[in-house]
Protein backbone atom coordinates (compact mmCIF):
# COMPACT_ATOMS: atom_id res chain seq x y z
CA MET A 1 107.43 110.15 112.26
CA LYS A 2 107.22 107.47 114.93
CA LYS A 3 105.01 104.52 114.08
CA ARG A 4 102.38 103.87 116.74
CA HIS A 5 102.07 100.43 118.20
CA THR A 6 98.64 99.06 119.12
CA THR A 7 99.45 99.38 122.83
CA ASP A 8 99.76 103.16 122.36
CA TYR A 9 96.00 103.50 121.82
CA PRO A 10 93.60 103.96 124.75
CA LYS A 11 91.98 100.73 125.91
CA ALA A 12 88.44 101.88 125.09
CA TYR A 13 89.44 102.66 121.50
CA ARG A 14 91.06 99.24 121.04
CA TYR A 15 88.07 97.55 122.68
CA ARG A 16 85.61 99.18 120.25
CA ARG A 17 87.69 98.01 117.31
CA ILE A 18 87.85 94.45 118.61
CA VAL A 19 84.08 94.50 119.15
CA ARG A 20 83.65 95.56 115.51
CA ALA A 21 85.76 92.58 114.45
CA LYS A 22 83.71 90.22 116.63
CA ARG A 23 80.46 91.56 115.22
CA TYR A 24 81.79 91.04 111.71
CA ILE A 25 82.66 87.44 112.56
CA ASP A 26 79.23 86.89 114.14
CA GLU A 27 77.44 88.33 111.10
CA HIS A 28 79.52 86.36 108.57
CA PHE A 29 80.12 83.11 110.44
CA ASN A 30 78.51 81.06 107.70
CA GLU A 31 80.72 82.58 104.99
CA SER A 32 84.34 82.05 104.16
CA ILE A 33 86.10 84.94 105.92
CA ASP A 34 89.78 85.52 106.42
CA LEU A 35 92.08 87.53 108.64
CA GLU A 36 92.33 90.34 106.11
CA ALA A 37 88.55 90.91 106.04
CA ILE A 38 88.29 90.84 109.83
CA SER A 39 91.23 93.16 110.40
CA GLU A 40 89.94 95.60 107.78
CA GLU A 41 86.58 95.74 109.55
CA ALA A 42 88.38 96.65 112.78
CA ASN A 43 90.69 99.14 111.01
CA PHE A 44 93.80 97.23 112.01
CA SER A 45 96.56 95.89 109.85
CA LYS A 46 96.72 92.10 109.87
CA PHE A 47 99.93 92.33 111.89
CA ASN A 48 98.43 94.58 114.58
CA PHE A 49 95.24 92.57 114.73
CA CYS A 50 97.28 89.43 115.43
CA ASP A 51 98.85 91.19 118.43
CA PHE A 52 95.48 90.80 120.15
CA LEU A 53 95.13 87.09 119.50
């Protein structure tokens, strides 16, 4: 089975996931959050989420 890379997903799908991550950050800005929590909210692995940064 071929592993999909984040660029294989349609742009709209990736955009929605990034928006979910941004909303999570906005809602928890006053808390201690980390990359793992943000990437989980967007349903990305930490590695794939970092591809967008």
